[in-house]
Amino acid sequence: MSAALLRKGLNLLSDDVKVTDPPCCVPVQGPGRKATRGQPSAADRLANTTKKGKMKHLERIRRQLETNKATVKGKIVKSALEEYKKNRTADHTEENLRYLLGSKELTESSITQKVETYSRGRKAKDRPKLKKVKKEEKSIFSERDFKKFEREYFGAS
């Protein structure tokens, strides 16, 4: 039978049984001290038995025991690949393309150009460079003028 079960049983029966004197094996709690439960703690077992500096030594051991409680009990170890897959953002490109290509309402090209120009920005670096359209160069002189010039310069042919 474990000590915890025995303690619970004694607590349940403590109302029925009245004890006038404390038993000799259980230490009496003094002022400002905790009552020990009969067995020394792990820190007491690890401490040396010399009186000088025993309390400091016990405190140091207790702190070490508290900090060394890192265990893996009950923790599920996951691989790094599973963690990466869980935290990775989903790629919605295909869904968006299907949505955009499936829409039947098409806007006018003039409206789309206006929206594009507004969204580009106001700075000159954001504006695209305009391509200059080359017009066909037309001569001022006609064929008749060239023949007239030829006759005057080279003479009649």
Protein backbone atom coordinates (compact mmCIF):
# COMPACT_ATOMS: atom_id res chain seq x y z
CA MET A 1 0.00 0.00 0.00
CA SER A 2 1.39 3.39 -0.91
CA ALA A 3 1.92 6.19 1.56
CA ALA A 4 -0.58 8.42 -0.24
CA LEU A 5 -3.37 5.85 0.07
CA LEU A 6 -2.53 5.27 3.73
CA ARG A 7 -2.60 9.03 4.38
CA LYS A 8 -6.00 9.37 2.68
CA GLY A 9 -7.38 6.51 4.70
CA LEU A 10 -6.09 8.01 7.93
CA ASN A 11 -7.59 11.38 7.05
CA LEU A 12 -10.98 9.75 6.48
CA LEU A 13 -10.81 7.92 9.79
CA SER A 14 -9.30 10.80 11.76
CA ASP A 15 -12.74 12.05 12.83
CA ASP A 16 -13.54 8.69 14.46
CA VAL A 17 -10.23 8.25 16.26
CA LYS A 18 -8.99 10.83 18.78
CA VAL A 19 -5.28 10.76 19.57
CA THR A 20 -4.07 12.69 22.58
CA ASP A 21 -0.30 12.25 22.11
CA PRO A 22 1.43 12.43 18.74
CA PRO A 23 3.17 9.21 17.76
CA CYS A 24 6.89 9.07 18.20
CA CYS A 25 7.78 8.43 14.58
CA VAL A 26 6.07 11.59 13.20
CA PRO A 27 8.01 14.75 14.06
CA VAL A 28 6.10 17.62 15.57
CA GLN A 29 6.01 20.82 13.54
CA GLY A 30 7.91 23.59 15.24
CA PRO A 31 7.36 27.32 14.77
CA GLY A 32 8.45 28.45 11.29
CA ARG A 33 9.40 24.97 10.06
CA LYS A 34 7.69 22.57 7.71
CA ALA A 35 6.76 19.18 9.04
CA THR A 36 8.71 16.39 7.37
CA ARG A 37 6.82 13.27 6.41
CA GLY A 38 9.25 10.71 7.75
CA GLN A 39 11.46 10.26 4.71
CA PRO A 40 14.21 12.74 3.79
CA SER A 41 13.86 14.57 0.52
CA ALA A 42 16.16 14.02 -2.43
CA ALA A 43 18.06 17.16 -1.50
CA ASP A 44 18.54 15.89 2.07
CA ARG A 45 19.90 12.60 0.77
CA LEU A 46 22.36 14.38 -1.54
CA ALA A 47 23.56 16.85 1.08
CA ASN A 48 26.57 16.14 3.24
CA THR A 49 25.91 15.60 6.94
CA THR A 50 28.15 18.31 8.35
CA LYS A 51 26.26 21.08 10.10
CA LYS A 52 28.27 24.00 8.75
CA GLY A 53 26.62 25.38 5.56
CA LYS A 54 24.06 22.58 5.36
CA MET A 55 21.09 24.89 4.66
CA LYS A 56 22.89 26.70 1.81
CA HIS A 57 23.96 23.38 0.39
CA LEU A 58 20.40 22.06 0.59
CA GLU A 59 19.02 25.15 -1.16
CA ARG A 60 21.59 24.81 -3.94
CA ILE A 61 20.71 21.14 -4.44
CA ARG A 62 16.95 21.91 -4.42
CA ARG A 63 17.43 24.59 -7.11
CA GLN A 64 19.42 22.14 -9.23
CA LEU A 65 16.75 19.47 -8.85
CA GLU A 66 14.04 21.94 -9.89
CA THR A 67 15.92 23.06 -12.98
CA ASN A 68 16.77 19.52 -14.07
CA LYS A 69 13.13 18.51 -14.49
CA ALA A 70 13.25 18.75 -18.28
CA THR A 71 11.82 15.48 -19.54
CA VAL A 72 10.31 14.30 -22.76
CA LYS A 73 7.52 12.32 -21.10
CA GLY A 74 4.25 12.80 -22.93
CA LYS A 75 5.80 14.98 -25.61
CA ILE A 76 5.36 13.87 -29.19
CA VAL A 77 8.55 14.31 -31.17
CA LYS A 78 7.85 15.57 -34.68
CA SER A 79 10.22 15.70 -37.56
CA ALA A 80 11.36 19.02 -38.94
CA LEU A 81 9.80 18.16 -42.31
CA GLU A 82 6.34 17.75 -40.75
CA GLU A 83 6.71 21.08 -38.91
CA TYR A 84 7.74 22.79 -42.15
CA LYS A 85 4.79 21.35 -44.05
CA LYS A 86 2.40 22.41 -41.30
CA ASN A 87 3.68 26.01 -41.15
CA ARG A 88 4.14 26.47 -44.91
CA THR A 89 1.71 28.82 -46.61
CA ALA A 90 -0.58 27.31 -49.20
CA ASP A 91 -0.14 28.16 -52.88
CA HIS A 92 -3.41 29.56 -54.26
CA THR A 93 -2.11 30.45 -57.72
CA GLU A 94 -4.06 27.80 -59.62
CA GLU A 95 -7.32 28.65 -57.86
CA ASN A 96 -6.84 32.35 -58.59
CA LEU A 97 -6.08 31.66 -62.26
CA ARG A 98 -9.20 29.51 -62.61
CA TYR A 99 -11.25 32.28 -61.04
CA LEU A 100 -9.80 35.00 -63.24
CA LEU A 101 -10.07 32.99 -66.45
CA GLY A 102 -13.55 31.79 -65.59
CA SER A 103 -15.02 35.27 -65.11
CA LYS A 104 -17.22 36.29 -68.03
CA GLU A 105 -17.47 39.97 -67.22
CA LEU A 106 -14.71 41.69 -69.15
CA THR A 107 -14.04 45.38 -68.73
CA GLU A 108 -13.32 47.80 -71.51
CA SER A 109 -9.70 48.32 -72.45
CA SER A 110 -9.89 52.07 -71.79
CA ILE A 111 -10.99 51.42 -68.19
CA THR A 112 -8.25 48.86 -67.61
CA GLN A 113 -5.65 51.29 -68.96
CA LYS A 114 -6.88 54.00 -66.59
CA VAL A 115 -6.67 51.62 -63.64
CA GLU A 116 -3.15 50.59 -64.65
CA THR A 117 -1.97 54.19 -64.91
CA TYR A 118 -3.42 55.08 -61.50
CA SER A 119 -1.86 52.06 -59.84
CA ARG A 120 1.61 52.65 -61.31
CA GLY A 121 2.43 55.69 -59.26
CA ARG A 122 3.06 59.37 -59.84
CA LYS A 123 6.83 59.45 -60.02
CA ALA A 124 8.61 59.56 -63.34
CA LYS A 125 10.49 56.36 -62.58
CA ASP A 126 7.18 54.51 -62.20
CA ARG A 127 5.92 55.64 -65.61
CA PRO A 128 6.76 53.57 -68.65
CA LYS A 129 8.75 55.22 -71.41
CA LEU A 130 6.53 56.15 -74.31
CA LYS A 131 7.54 54.66 -77.62
CA LYS A 132 7.77 57.21 -80.38
CA VAL A 133 5.88 56.18 -83.44
CA LYS A 134 7.87 56.95 -86.59
CA LYS A 135 5.82 58.42 -89.36
CA GLU A 136 6.80 57.88 -92.95
CA GLU A 137 8.80 60.78 -94.17
CA LYS A 138 7.15 62.43 -97.11
CA SER A 139 9.23 64.34 -99.54
CA ILE A 140 8.36 67.92 -100.27
CA PHE A 141 9.27 67.42 -103.87
CA SER A 142 7.26 65.26 -106.22
CA GLU A 143 8.47 63.16 -109.15
CA ARG A 144 7.62 65.96 -111.55
CA ASP A 145 9.86 68.37 -109.62
CA PHE A 146 12.80 65.92 -109.77
CA LYS A 147 12.44 65.53 -113.57
CA LYS A 148 12.30 69.30 -114.01
CA PHE A 149 15.46 69.70 -111.89
CA GLU A 150 17.21 67.00 -113.91
CA ARG A 151 16.40 68.72 -117.18
CA GLU A 152 17.66 72.06 -115.93
CA TYR A 153 20.86 70.73 -114.40
CA PHE A 154 21.96 68.11 -116.90
CA GLY A 155 20.28 69.56 -119.87
CA ALA A 156 17.61 68.19 -122.09
CA SER A 157 17.82 64.47 -122.53
